[in-house]
């Protein structure tokens, strides 16, 4: 089956795997209100969810057959991940207020399901002719769904159960699309000119570039999700916004992210990868500082919206770069797991920094981390441009 017939399945799976991180502020915020948790334990629950997601991706990567498994097995793995996502987040939604162990168990199971689905999607995307464009479509869909939820959830009532139930419902909606992978793995790679999954594996290519990218993207994602994990608290307690207007700000921020993703899709690699990744990370660092220092609605909204416009633009280039490093998808899954690990460490990092030093200092520290990783990320991107990879192959 042609690669274009597989793209919708990969796009849907990608969105299901990344929806929970997009909804992290409202998940943590509602846990704080419903379970009367202090900020640190609430952030720890969010981190546990995302750590389970990262662990699932790393486990899948450690299996040599994961990046070249038969099409039917890839579909079964995706279905199993979606079933775990649905069951886990369904359990978290059904957990009675006060049943913290049951809630945490649901978050761990749902996070593991999310990580499994994201890993399967990453492997499939890496085997396509244009992995950057498919990553853009996945980010576009995940942002659209999350933005719609941010707009509607405040009007559907309170309670921690609602966002968890929505994530589970989206996983159930995506479940039939996993069957599209049955037509993917074995034949698509051959017809797109990339190596078939049954080909010999060999060692990981571009090891220096891959490990540098993995280490940097861990801190890159951690710094941004440290702010994202406490953005709800900044908006509510520092900028003075109620939940409904705060939801509007987040929805506008994700709408701006849609524009950034659309720009990434239309521009592609026209300007290479080094400039979008390096310069984009510097702009993100500035936005993080502005959001952390905001004391009113206007600067807070400006920082959040500008930041979310640039973040997915850079992220799509990073995902595309990871997919290009290894045609079997091993670097794509490893770097996706490093991203998830950074995301997982984000909420607790942001909470500890904000509680210990205040939101403005937290913003400065996180901005400094982003500036430190901007240069090595740009150097790796420069050295792994398509022309550079062709010249060394």
Protein backbone atom coordinates (compact mmCIF):
# COMPACT_ATOMS: atom_id res chain seq x y z
CA UNK A 1 0.00 0.00 0.00
CA UNK A 2 1.35 3.47 -0.83
CA UNK A 3 2.86 5.50 1.98
CA UNK A 4 0.11 8.12 1.73
CA UNK A 5 -2.46 5.46 2.73
CA UNK A 6 -0.53 4.80 5.96
CA UNK A 7 -0.16 8.47 6.92
CA UNK A 8 -3.62 8.89 8.54
CA UNK A 9 -3.00 5.94 10.87
CA UNK A 10 0.41 7.26 11.91
CA UNK A 11 -1.01 10.77 12.40
CA UNK A 12 -3.84 9.52 14.60
CA UNK A 13 -1.52 7.34 16.69
CA UNK A 14 0.92 10.22 17.10
CA UNK A 15 -1.86 12.49 18.40
CA UNK A 16 -3.04 9.86 20.90
CA UNK A 17 0.48 9.35 22.21
CA UNK A 18 1.12 13.06 22.77
CA UNK A 19 -2.28 14.28 24.00
CA UNK A 20 -1.63 13.73 27.73
CA UNK A 21 1.49 16.00 27.80
CA UNK A 22 -0.48 18.73 26.02
CA UNK A 23 -3.17 18.59 28.72
CA UNK A 24 -0.69 18.49 31.60
CA UNK A 25 -1.53 21.96 33.07
CA UNK A 26 -5.20 21.16 33.46
CA UNK A 27 -4.46 17.65 34.76
CA UNK A 28 -2.15 18.97 37.47
CA UNK A 29 -4.41 21.93 38.24
CA UNK A 30 -7.49 19.77 38.76
CA UNK A 31 -5.57 17.33 40.93
CA UNK A 32 -4.50 20.24 43.11
CA UNK A 33 -8.12 21.34 43.51
CA UNK A 34 -9.85 17.95 43.71
CA UNK A 35 -7.39 16.05 45.90
CA UNK A 36 -6.26 19.17 47.78
CA UNK A 37 -2.69 18.29 46.91
CA UNK A 38 0.14 20.73 47.45
CA UNK A 39 1.87 21.84 44.22
CA UNK A 40 4.84 19.49 44.70
CA UNK A 41 2.87 16.21 45.04
CA UNK A 42 0.52 17.24 42.22
CA UNK A 43 3.51 17.88 39.99
CA UNK A 44 4.95 14.54 41.07
CA UNK A 45 1.80 12.74 39.86
CA UNK A 46 2.15 14.45 36.47
CA UNK A 47 5.82 13.49 36.35
CA UNK A 48 4.99 9.86 37.22
CA UNK A 49 2.54 9.71 34.31
CA UNK A 50 5.14 10.99 31.87
CA UNK A 51 7.94 8.85 33.31
CA UNK A 52 5.80 5.79 32.60
CA UNK A 53 5.41 7.05 29.04
CA UNK A 54 9.16 7.49 28.63
CA UNK A 55 9.87 4.07 30.15
CA UNK A 56 7.49 2.39 27.69
CA UNK A 57 9.23 4.03 24.75
CA UNK A 58 12.68 3.07 26.00
CA UNK A 59 11.54 -0.51 26.59
CA UNK A 60 10.21 -0.75 23.06
CA UNK A 61 13.48 0.63 21.69
CA UNK A 62 15.54 -1.92 23.63
CA UNK A 63 13.92 -4.74 21.68
CA UNK A 64 15.89 -5.16 18.47
CA UNK A 65 12.77 -6.26 16.61
CA UNK A 66 10.75 -3.20 17.63
CA UNK A 67 12.00 -1.02 14.78
CA UNK A 68 11.49 -3.71 12.14
CA UNK A 69 8.63 -5.81 13.44
CA UNK A 70 6.09 -7.15 10.93
CA UNK A 71 3.14 -4.98 10.03
CA UNK A 72 0.67 -7.16 11.93
CA UNK A 73 2.78 -7.05 15.08
CA UNK A 74 3.10 -3.26 14.84
CA UNK A 75 -0.68 -2.99 14.64
CA UNK A 76 -1.09 -5.35 17.62
CA UNK A 77 1.43 -3.32 19.64
CA UNK A 78 -0.42 -0.11 18.81
CA UNK A 79 -3.75 -1.67 19.82
CA UNK A 80 -2.26 -2.94 23.08
CA UNK A 81 -0.87 0.52 23.83
CA UNK A 82 -4.21 2.16 23.09
CA UNK A 83 -6.03 -0.39 25.26
CA UNK A 84 -3.63 0.36 28.11
CA UNK A 85 -4.12 4.10 27.57
CA UNK A 86 -7.90 3.75 27.65
CA UNK A 87 -7.91 1.49 30.71
CA UNK A 88 -5.36 3.55 32.63
CA UNK A 89 -6.86 6.98 32.09
CA UNK A 90 -10.33 5.50 32.50
CA UNK A 91 -9.24 4.19 35.90
CA UNK A 92 -7.79 7.61 36.81
CA UNK A 93 -11.08 9.24 35.82
CA UNK A 94 -13.11 6.76 37.86
CA UNK A 95 -10.89 6.96 40.95
CA UNK A 96 -12.90 8.45 43.84
CA UNK A 97 -11.58 11.67 45.34
CA UNK A 98 -9.18 10.67 48.09
CA UNK A 99 -8.10 7.40 46.44
CA UNK A 100 -4.65 8.65 45.53
CA UNK A 101 -3.05 5.18 45.01
CA UNK A 102 -5.79 4.25 42.52
CA UNK A 103 -5.31 7.56 40.70
CA UNK A 104 -1.55 7.10 40.50
CA UNK A 105 -1.97 3.54 39.22
CA UNK A 106 -4.28 4.80 36.48
CA UNK A 107 -1.79 7.53 35.54
CA UNK A 108 1.06 5.01 35.34
CA UNK A 109 -0.94 2.61 33.16
CA UNK A 110 -2.23 5.39 30.93
CA UNK A 111 1.23 6.91 30.63
CA UNK A 112 2.70 3.53 29.64
CA UNK A 113 0.01 3.19 26.98
CA UNK A 114 0.72 6.68 25.66
CA UNK A 115 4.44 5.93 25.43
CA UNK A 116 3.84 2.67 23.58
CA UNK A 117 1.56 4.33 21.04
CA UNK A 118 3.98 7.22 20.55
CA UNK A 119 6.89 4.81 20.01
CA UNK A 120 5.00 2.78 17.39
CA UNK A 121 4.08 6.00 15.61
CA UNK A 122 7.70 7.22 15.71
CA UNK A 123 8.99 4.00 14.14
CA UNK A 124 6.36 4.13 11.42
CA UNK A 125 7.00 7.80 10.67
CA UNK A 126 10.76 7.21 10.40
CA UNK A 127 10.13 4.66 7.64
CA UNK A 128 8.21 7.10 5.45
CA UNK A 129 9.56 9.19 2.60
CA UNK A 130 8.95 12.52 4.38
CA UNK A 131 8.97 11.95 8.16
CA UNK A 132 9.09 15.68 8.94
CA UNK A 133 5.79 16.32 7.18
CA UNK A 134 4.03 13.44 8.94
CA UNK A 135 5.37 14.61 12.32
CA UNK A 136 3.93 18.04 11.52
CA UNK A 137 0.53 16.51 10.84
CA UNK A 138 0.62 14.57 14.10
CA UNK A 139 1.52 17.68 16.09
CA UNK A 140 -1.18 19.63 14.26
CA UNK A 141 -3.85 17.10 15.23
CA UNK A 142 -2.68 16.78 18.85
CA UNK A 143 -2.66 20.58 19.24
CA UNK A 144 -6.11 20.90 17.68
CA UNK A 145 -7.65 18.29 19.97
CA UNK A 146 -5.98 19.73 23.07
CA UNK A 147 -7.03 23.28 22.13
CA UNK A 148 -10.64 22.19 21.72
CA UNK A 149 -10.51 20.52 25.13
CA UNK A 150 -9.07 23.63 26.80
CA UNK A 151 -11.99 25.64 25.40
CA UNK A 152 -14.72 23.18 26.40
CA UNK A 153 -13.55 21.58 29.67
CA UNK A 154 -14.15 24.67 31.89
CA UNK A 155 -17.78 24.73 30.71
CA UNK A 156 -18.39 21.05 31.43
CA UNK A 157 -17.83 21.27 35.16
CA UNK A 158 -15.02 20.67 37.61
CA UNK A 159 -13.45 17.49 38.84
CA UNK A 160 -10.27 15.67 38.01
CA UNK A 161 -12.14 12.93 36.12
CA UNK A 162 -13.10 14.99 33.08
CA UNK A 163 -9.70 15.55 31.36
CA UNK A 164 -8.65 11.95 32.07
CA UNK A 165 -11.93 10.72 30.57
CA UNK A 166 -11.37 12.89 27.49
CA UNK A 167 -7.91 11.41 26.90
CA UNK A 168 -9.35 7.90 27.26
CA UNK A 169 -12.17 8.78 24.85
CA UNK A 170 -9.70 10.05 22.25
CA UNK A 171 -7.72 6.83 22.59
CA UNK A 172 -10.93 4.85 21.95
CA UNK A 173 -11.62 7.00 18.88
CA UNK A 174 -8.12 6.37 17.53
CA UNK A 175 -8.23 2.59 18.18
CA UNK A 176 -9.74 1.59 14.79
CA UNK A 177 -6.98 3.51 12.98
CA UNK A 178 -4.34 1.12 14.34
CA UNK A 179 -5.49 -1.39 11.72
CA UNK A 180 -3.97 0.84 9.06
CA UNK A 181 -0.53 -0.25 10.21
CA UNK A 182 -1.25 -3.73 8.87
CA UNK A 183 -0.56 -2.32 5.42
CA UNK A 184 2.43 -0.29 6.53
CA UNK A 185 5.70 -1.70 7.67
CA UNK A 186 6.93 -4.31 5.23
CA UNK A 187 5.82 -2.85 1.90
CA UNK A 188 5.88 0.87 2.50
CA UNK A 189 9.56 1.06 3.21
CA UNK A 190 10.39 -0.77 0.01
CA UNK A 191 8.23 1.48 -2.12
CA UNK A 192 9.51 4.70 -0.61
CA UNK A 193 13.13 3.85 -1.29
CA UNK A 194 14.00 3.35 2.39
CA UNK A 195 15.27 0.03 3.71
CA UNK A 196 12.72 -2.71 4.33
CA UNK A 197 12.15 -3.70 7.94
CA UNK A 198 13.52 -7.15 7.24
CA UNK A 199 16.91 -5.77 6.25
CA UNK A 200 19.92 -6.30 8.52
CA UNK A 201 20.00 -4.01 11.49
CA UNK A 202 23.65 -3.15 12.03
CA UNK A 203 24.94 -0.61 14.58
CA UNK A 204 23.26 2.69 15.26
CA UNK A 205 24.39 5.25 12.67
CA UNK A 206 25.46 8.82 13.51
CA UNK A 207 26.12 7.92 17.15
CA UNK A 208 27.75 11.21 18.17
CA UNK A 209 24.98 13.27 16.61
CA UNK A 210 22.27 10.99 17.97
CA UNK A 211 23.46 10.94 21.58
CA UNK A 212 24.12 14.69 21.56
CA UNK A 213 20.62 15.27 20.23
CA UNK A 214 19.10 12.90 22.80
CA UNK A 215 20.89 14.56 25.74
CA UNK A 216 20.10 18.08 24.59
CA UNK A 217 16.46 17.38 23.81
CA UNK A 218 16.01 15.92 27.29
CA UNK A 219 16.95 19.27 28.84
CA UNK A 220 15.18 21.19 26.05
CA UNK A 221 11.87 19.49 26.76
CA UNK A 222 12.38 19.51 30.53
CA UNK A 223 12.88 23.28 30.63
CA UNK A 224 9.77 24.03 28.61
CA UNK A 225 7.52 21.54 30.33
CA UNK A 226 8.72 22.76 33.71
CA UNK A 227 7.00 26.03 32.82
CA UNK A 228 4.07 24.30 31.10
CA UNK A 229 3.43 22.23 34.21
CA UNK A 230 3.04 25.34 36.40
CA UNK A 231 1.52 27.68 33.81
CA UNK A 232 -1.93 27.06 35.26
CA UNK A 233 -0.73 28.22 38.69
CA UNK A 234 0.94 31.29 37.21
CA UNK A 235 -2.25 32.23 35.38
CA UNK A 236 -4.54 31.60 38.35
CA UNK A 237 -2.48 32.87 41.27
CA UNK A 238 -0.08 35.41 39.77
CA UNK A 239 -1.79 36.79 36.65
CA UNK A 240 -5.21 36.77 38.34
CA UNK A 241 -7.14 34.75 35.75
CA UNK A 242 -10.15 32.53 36.50
CA UNK A 243 -10.26 29.01 35.04
CA UNK A 244 -12.42 29.92 32.03
CA UNK A 245 -10.25 32.83 30.78
CA UNK A 246 -7.16 30.78 31.57
CA UNK A 247 -8.55 28.03 29.35
CA UNK A 248 -9.03 30.62 26.60
CA UNK A 249 -5.37 31.67 26.93
CA UNK A 250 -4.23 28.06 26.65
CA UNK A 251 -6.54 27.47 23.69
CA UNK A 252 -5.18 30.59 21.95
CA UNK A 253 -1.65 29.41 22.72
CA UNK A 254 -2.36 26.05 21.11
CA UNK A 255 -4.04 27.81 18.18
CA UNK A 256 -0.83 29.79 17.74
CA UNK A 257 0.94 26.45 17.87
CA UNK A 258 -1.20 25.33 14.94
CA UNK A 259 0.14 28.28 12.96
CA UNK A 260 3.69 27.32 13.92
CA UNK A 261 3.09 23.73 12.86
CA UNK A 262 1.51 24.86 9.60
CA UNK A 263 4.55 27.06 8.95
CA UNK A 264 6.84 24.12 9.63
CA UNK A 265 4.87 21.99 7.18
CA UNK A 266 4.83 24.59 4.42
CA UNK A 267 8.47 25.63 4.78
CA UNK A 268 9.82 22.10 5.29
CA UNK A 269 13.62 22.09 5.12
CA UNK A 270 13.79 25.19 2.93
CA UNK A 271 15.99 26.96 5.50
CA UNK A 272 17.68 23.78 6.65
CA UNK A 273 17.30 22.60 10.23
CA UNK A 274 20.05 24.46 12.06
CA UNK A 275 18.42 27.92 11.80
CA UNK A 276 14.89 26.90 12.85
CA UNK A 277 16.19 24.77 15.74
CA UNK A 278 18.88 27.15 17.03
CA UNK A 279 17.12 30.50 16.57
CA UNK A 280 13.76 29.03 17.56
CA UNK A 281 15.17 27.76 20.85
CA UNK A 282 16.55 31.23 21.64
CA UNK A 283 13.10 32.77 21.02
CA UNK A 284 11.52 30.12 23.25
CA UNK A 285 13.98 30.97 26.04
CA UNK A 286 12.87 34.62 25.93
CA UNK A 287 9.20 33.62 26.04
CA UNK A 288 9.79 31.36 29.04
CA UNK A 289 11.37 34.26 30.95
CA UNK A 290 8.45 36.57 30.05
CA UNK A 291 5.83 34.03 31.19
CA UNK A 292 7.64 33.30 34.44
CA UNK A 293 7.93 37.00 35.30
CA UNK A 294 4.34 37.92 34.34
CA UNK A 295 2.29 39.63 37.04
CA UNK A 296 -0.83 40.36 34.97
CA UNK A 297 -2.90 38.78 32.23
CA UNK A 298 -1.36 40.60 29.23
CA UNK A 299 2.31 39.58 29.59
CA UNK A 300 1.30 36.11 30.69
CA UNK A 301 -0.88 35.62 27.61
CA UNK A 302 1.82 37.12 25.36
CA UNK A 303 4.51 34.83 26.69
CA UNK A 304 2.34 31.70 26.53
CA UNK A 305 1.00 32.38 23.04
CA UNK A 306 4.36 33.35 21.51
CA UNK A 307 6.08 30.42 23.17
CA UNK A 308 3.49 27.90 21.96
CA UNK A 309 3.73 29.28 18.43
CA UNK A 310 7.47 28.57 18.23
CA UNK A 311 7.68 25.40 20.33
CA UNK A 312 5.95 22.97 17.92
CA UNK A 313 7.75 24.58 14.95
CA UNK A 314 11.10 23.64 16.50
CA UNK A 315 9.83 20.31 17.84
CA UNK A 316 8.71 19.18 14.39
CA UNK A 317 12.21 19.87 13.04
CA UNK A 318 13.75 17.93 15.93
CA UNK A 319 11.46 14.96 15.27
CA UNK A 320 12.22 15.12 11.56
CA UNK A 321 15.94 15.25 12.31
CA UNK A 322 15.70 12.24 14.62
CA UNK A 323 13.82 10.24 11.98
CA UNK A 324 16.48 11.01 9.37
CA UNK A 325 19.33 9.75 11.57
CA UNK A 326 18.25 6.11 11.25
CA UNK A 327 15.93 4.66 8.63
CA UNK A 328 14.91 1.86 11.02
CA UNK A 329 13.48 4.40 13.47
CA UNK A 330 15.72 3.54 16.43
CA UNK A 331 16.95 7.10 16.93
CA UNK A 332 13.40 8.39 16.45
CA UNK A 333 12.15 6.25 19.34
CA UNK A 334 15.19 6.90 21.55
CA UNK A 335 14.97 10.65 21.06
CA UNK A 336 11.20 10.54 21.46
CA UNK A 337 11.73 8.75 24.76
CA UNK A 338 14.35 11.31 25.80
CA UNK A 339 11.77 13.98 25.01
CA UNK A 340 9.19 12.16 27.13
CA UNK A 341 11.72 11.79 29.95
CA UNK A 342 12.39 15.52 29.85
CA UNK A 343 8.65 16.19 29.79
CA UNK A 344 8.27 13.87 32.78
CA UNK A 345 10.89 15.73 34.78
CA UNK A 346 9.34 19.06 33.84
CA UNK A 347 6.39 19.35 36.25
CA UNK A 348 8.35 18.44 39.36
CA UNK A 349 11.30 20.63 38.26
CA UNK A 350 9.03 23.61 37.67
CA UNK A 351 7.25 23.04 40.95
CA UNK A 352 10.44 22.78 42.99
CA UNK A 353 11.94 25.87 41.35
CA UNK A 354 8.78 27.95 41.69
CA UNK A 355 8.16 26.95 45.30
CA UNK A 356 11.81 27.39 46.29
CA UNK A 357 12.77 30.51 44.33
CA UNK A 358 9.59 31.98 42.86
CA UNK A 359 8.22 32.07 39.34
CA UNK A 360 10.51 34.85 37.96
CA UNK A 361 13.71 33.07 39.05
CA UNK A 362 12.33 29.82 37.71
CA UNK A 363 11.79 31.47 34.31
CA UNK A 364 15.34 32.81 34.24
CA UNK A 365 16.84 29.42 35.17
CA UNK A 366 14.79 27.59 32.55
CA UNK A 367 15.62 30.21 29.93
CA UNK A 368 19.32 29.79 30.69
CA UNK A 369 19.04 26.01 30.23
CA UNK A 370 17.44 26.53 26.83
CA UNK A 371 20.17 28.93 25.75
CA UNK A 372 22.83 26.42 26.79
CA UNK A 373 21.40 23.64 24.61
CA UNK A 374 20.57 25.88 21.62
CA UNK A 375 24.13 25.84 20.23
CA UNK A 376 24.79 22.06 20.35
CA UNK A 377 21.35 21.41 18.87
CA UNK A 378 22.11 23.79 16.01
CA UNK A 379 25.53 22.20 15.47
CA UNK A 380 24.02 18.71 15.27
CA UNK A 381 21.33 19.94 12.90
CA UNK A 382 23.95 21.62 10.73
CA UNK A 383 26.05 18.46 10.55
CA UNK A 384 23.08 16.25 9.70
CA UNK A 385 21.45 18.30 6.95
CA UNK A 386 20.23 16.04 4.15
CA UNK A 387 23.15 17.05 1.92
CA UNK A 388 25.65 16.33 4.68
CA UNK A 389 24.15 12.90 5.32
CA UNK A 390 24.21 12.07 1.61
CA UNK A 391 27.85 13.10 1.31
CA UNK A 392 28.86 10.74 4.16
CA UNK A 393 26.70 7.78 3.11
